Amino acid sequence: MSSEITIMVVDDSATMRKITRHHLTQLGFSKIVEAANGAEGLKKLDEEEIDLVFCDWNMPEMNGLQFLHALKEKGKEIPVVMLTTVNTQEEVMAALEAGAVSYITKPFSKDDLKKKIEEIKK
């Protein structure tokens, strides 16, 4: 994946979106789309071509797991990395079974994002 890809950050916390955007910008990514919840994220997926999604687990209106299921129903095959404060095996398995390619536990660093992006590139 080159730095020319478009990345969407889906998180109900404006602060977390800002932090994630900042880390991604430092890594050389400039095409970053933000959404405040899963429903908004799905709408933006219809409007723009997105190459990678970082998605929070716990959000109002539509949580991360619901977002993954809706993405699958739409037939979209976009890599999704879940962002979570809880790291239980049940949640991780549920996300992977729903189509997530990986997950990152909050708080995370720029290097954590870089590692995940490099893993997905392979």
C-alpha atoms as a PDB file:
ATOM      1  CA  MET A   1       0.000   0.000   0.000  1.00  0.00           C
ATOM      2  CA  SER A   2       1.407   3.321  -0.981  1.00  0.00           C
ATOM      3  CA  SER A   3       0.880   6.588   0.841  1.00  0.00           C
ATOM      4  CA  GLU A   4      -1.581   7.443  -1.962  1.00  0.00           C
ATOM      5  CA  ILE A   5      -4.249   5.172  -0.529  1.00  0.00           C
ATOM      6  CA  THR A   6      -7.367   6.594   1.093  1.00  0.00           C
ATOM      7  CA  ILE A   7      -7.832   5.624   4.729  1.00  0.00           C
ATOM      8  CA  MET A   8     -11.051   6.061   6.682  1.00  0.00           C
ATOM      9  CA  VAL A   9     -11.032   6.464  10.460  1.00  0.00           C
ATOM     10  CA  VAL A  10     -14.375   5.564  12.078  1.00  0.00           C
ATOM     11  CA  ASP A  11     -14.569   6.566  15.746  1.00  0.00           C
ATOM     12  CA  ASP A  12     -17.162   8.421  17.814  1.00  0.00           C
ATOM     13  CA  SER A  13     -14.381  10.237  19.689  1.00  0.00           C
ATOM     14  CA  ALA A  14     -13.256  13.348  17.817  1.00  0.00           C
ATOM     15  CA  THR A  15     -10.054  13.234  19.880  1.00  0.00           C
ATOM     16  CA  MET A  16      -9.264   9.665  18.775  1.00  0.00           C
ATOM     17  CA  ARG A  17      -9.965  10.565  15.139  1.00  0.00           C
ATOM     18  CA  LYS A  18      -7.612  13.538  15.470  1.00  0.00           C
ATOM     19  CA  ILE A  19      -4.864  11.414  17.079  1.00  0.00           C
ATOM     20  CA  THR A  20      -5.227   8.678  14.446  1.00  0.00           C
ATOM     21  CA  ARG A  21      -5.202  11.254  11.624  1.00  0.00           C
ATOM     22  CA  HIS A  22      -2.076  12.851  13.117  1.00  0.00           C
ATOM     23  CA  HIS A  23      -0.257   9.491  13.298  1.00  0.00           C
ATOM     24  CA  LEU A  24      -1.277   8.595   9.730  1.00  0.00           C
ATOM     25  CA  THR A  25      -0.167  12.008   8.449  1.00  0.00           C
ATOM     26  CA  GLN A  26       3.211  11.519  10.153  1.00  0.00           C
ATOM     27  CA  LEU A  27       3.476   8.179   8.335  1.00  0.00           C
ATOM     28  CA  GLY A  28       3.013   9.974   5.002  1.00  0.00           C
ATOM     29  CA  PHE A  29      -0.688   9.377   4.365  1.00  0.00           C
ATOM     30  CA  SER A  30      -2.624  12.427   3.210  1.00  0.00           C
ATOM     31  CA  LYS A  31      -5.945  11.023   1.997  1.00  0.00           C
ATOM     32  CA  ILE A  32      -7.810  10.495   5.260  1.00  0.00           C
ATOM     33  CA  VAL A  33     -11.592  10.427   5.639  1.00  0.00           C
ATOM     34  CA  GLU A  34     -13.312  10.583   9.035  1.00  0.00           C
ATOM     35  CA  ALA A  35     -16.649   9.230  10.246  1.00  0.00           C
ATOM     36  CA  ALA A  36     -18.201   9.580  13.718  1.00  0.00           C
ATOM     37  CA  ASN A  37     -19.967   6.189  13.676  1.00  0.00           C
ATOM     38  CA  GLY A  38     -20.515   3.091  11.569  1.00  0.00           C
ATOM     39  CA  ALA A  39     -23.587   4.467   9.785  1.00  0.00           C
ATOM     40  CA  GLU A  40     -21.689   7.593   8.730  1.00  0.00           C
ATOM     41  CA  GLY A  41     -18.778   5.385   7.677  1.00  0.00           C
ATOM     42  CA  LEU A  42     -21.020   3.289   5.414  1.00  0.00           C
ATOM     43  CA  LYS A  43     -22.393   6.449   3.804  1.00  0.00           C
ATOM     44  CA  LYS A  44     -18.869   7.716   3.120  1.00  0.00           C
ATOM     45  CA  LEU A  45     -17.952   4.350   1.586  1.00  0.00           C
ATOM     46  CA  ASP A  46     -20.712   4.955  -0.974  1.00  0.00           C
ATOM     47  CA  GLU A  47     -19.353   8.436  -1.715  1.00  0.00           C
ATOM     48  CA  GLU A  48     -15.609   7.771  -1.848  1.00  0.00           C
ATOM     49  CA  GLU A  49     -13.209   4.998  -2.766  1.00  0.00           C
ATOM     50  CA  ILE A  50     -11.668   3.822   0.506  1.00  0.00           C
ATOM     51  CA  ASP A  51      -8.692   1.445   0.599  1.00  0.00           C
ATOM     52  CA  LEU A  52      -8.343   0.801   4.346  1.00  0.00           C
ATOM     53  CA  VAL A  53     -10.521   1.392   7.426  1.00  0.00           C
ATOM     54  CA  PHE A  54      -9.568   1.820  11.072  1.00  0.00           C
ATOM     55  CA  CYS A  55     -12.803   1.332  13.019  1.00  0.00           C
ATOM     56  CA  ASP A  56     -13.623   1.745  16.705  1.00  0.00           C
ATOM     57  CA  TRP A  57     -15.523  -1.080  18.384  1.00  0.00           C
ATOM     58  CA  ASN A  58     -17.824   0.853  20.736  1.00  0.00           C
ATOM     59  CA  MET A  59     -19.829   3.615  19.042  1.00  0.00           C
ATOM     60  CA  PRO A  60     -23.412   4.865  19.216  1.00  0.00           C
ATOM     61  CA  GLU A  61     -25.874   4.333  16.360  1.00  0.00           C
ATOM     62  CA  MET A  62     -23.820   1.557  14.712  1.00  0.00           C
ATOM     63  CA  ASN A  63     -20.904  -0.116  16.482  1.00  0.00           C
ATOM     64  CA  GLY A  64     -17.833  -1.590  14.842  1.00  0.00           C
ATOM     65  CA  LEU A  65     -19.168  -5.135  14.658  1.00  0.00           C
ATOM     66  CA  GLN A  66     -22.415  -3.942  13.049  1.00  0.00           C
ATOM     67  CA  PHE A  67     -20.303  -1.899  10.625  1.00  0.00           C
ATOM     68  CA  LEU A  68     -18.348  -5.028   9.636  1.00  0.00           C
ATOM     69  CA  HIS A  69     -21.559  -6.998   9.030  1.00  0.00           C
ATOM     70  CA  ALA A  70     -23.062  -4.158   6.957  1.00  0.00           C
ATOM     71  CA  LEU A  71     -19.843  -3.890   4.938  1.00  0.00           C
ATOM     72  CA  LYS A  72     -20.011  -7.608   4.160  1.00  0.00           C
ATOM     73  CA  GLU A  73     -23.696  -7.309   3.162  1.00  0.00           C
ATOM     74  CA  LYS A  74     -22.769  -4.540   0.715  1.00  0.00           C
ATOM     75  CA  GLY A  75     -20.197  -6.875  -0.840  1.00  0.00           C
ATOM     76  CA  LYS A  76     -17.338  -4.483  -0.110  1.00  0.00           C
ATOM     77  CA  GLU A  77     -13.972  -6.109   0.432  1.00  0.00           C
ATOM     78  CA  ILE A  78     -12.022  -3.403   2.203  1.00  0.00           C
ATOM     79  CA  PRO A  79      -9.480  -4.280   4.904  1.00  0.00           C
ATOM     80  CA  VAL A  80     -10.775  -3.176   8.318  1.00  0.00           C
ATOM     81  CA  VAL A  81      -8.607  -2.917  11.433  1.00  0.00           C
ATOM     82  CA  MET A  82     -10.639  -2.717  14.629  1.00  0.00           C
ATOM     83  CA  LEU A  83      -9.633  -0.238  17.338  1.00  0.00           C
ATOM     84  CA  THR A  84     -10.645  -1.347  20.814  1.00  0.00           C
ATOM     85  CA  THR A  85     -10.057  -0.572  24.470  1.00  0.00           C
ATOM     86  CA  VAL A  86     -11.105  -4.109  25.385  1.00  0.00           C
ATOM     87  CA  ASN A  87      -8.913  -6.973  24.298  1.00  0.00           C
ATOM     88  CA  THR A  88     -11.007 -10.045  25.088  1.00  0.00           C
ATOM     89  CA  GLN A  89     -10.593 -13.150  22.990  1.00  0.00           C
ATOM     90  CA  GLU A  90     -14.357 -13.225  22.336  1.00  0.00           C
ATOM     91  CA  GLU A  91     -14.372  -9.709  20.864  1.00  0.00           C
ATOM     92  CA  VAL A  92     -11.289 -10.344  18.758  1.00  0.00           C
ATOM     93  CA  MET A  93     -12.754 -13.583  17.377  1.00  0.00           C
ATOM     94  CA  ALA A  94     -16.123 -11.927  16.684  1.00  0.00           C
ATOM     95  CA  ALA A  95     -14.423  -9.115  14.754  1.00  0.00           C
ATOM     96  CA  LEU A  96     -12.225 -11.489  12.745  1.00  0.00           C
ATOM     97  CA  GLU A  97     -15.197 -13.728  11.938  1.00  0.00           C
ATOM     98  CA  ALA A  98     -17.153 -10.649  10.797  1.00  0.00           C
ATOM     99  CA  GLY A  99     -14.379  -9.714   8.384  1.00  0.00           C
ATOM    100  CA  ALA A 100     -11.833  -7.572  10.234  1.00  0.00           C
ATOM    101  CA  VAL A 101      -8.268  -8.258   9.116  1.00  0.00           C
ATOM    102  CA  SER A 102      -6.735  -7.275  12.455  1.00  0.00           C
ATOM    103  CA  TYR A 103      -7.143  -5.154  15.571  1.00  0.00           C
ATOM    104  CA  ILE A 104      -5.216  -2.623  17.642  1.00  0.00           C
ATOM    105  CA  THR A 105      -5.727  -2.033  21.354  1.00  0.00           C
ATOM    106  CA  LYS A 106      -6.096   1.596  22.463  1.00  0.00           C
ATOM    107  CA  PRO A 107      -4.069   3.548  23.277  1.00  0.00           C
ATOM    108  CA  PHE A 108      -1.838   2.969  20.268  1.00  0.00           C
ATOM    109  CA  SER A 109       1.204   4.645  18.783  1.00  0.00           C
ATOM    110  CA  LYS A 110       2.195   5.730  15.313  1.00  0.00           C
ATOM    111  CA  ASP A 111       4.424   2.645  15.170  1.00  0.00           C
ATOM    112  CA  ASP A 112       1.455   0.378  15.989  1.00  0.00           C
ATOM    113  CA  LEU A 113      -0.432   1.817  12.995  1.00  0.00           C
ATOM    114  CA  LYS A 114       2.646   1.473  10.798  1.00  0.00           C
ATOM    115  CA  LYS A 115       3.043  -2.211  11.744  1.00  0.00           C
ATOM    116  CA  LYS A 116      -0.603  -2.982  10.972  1.00  0.00           C
ATOM    117  CA  ILE A 117      -0.455  -1.221   7.608  1.00  0.00           C
ATOM    118  CA  GLU A 118       2.733  -3.126   6.717  1.00  0.00           C
ATOM    119  CA  GLU A 119       1.081  -6.436   7.733  1.00  0.00           C
ATOM    120  CA  ILE A 120      -1.886  -5.686   5.479  1.00  0.00           C
ATOM    121  CA  LYS A 121       0.392  -4.770   2.550  1.00  0.00           C
ATOM    122  CA  LYS A 122       1.836  -8.293   2.488  1.00  0.00           C
END
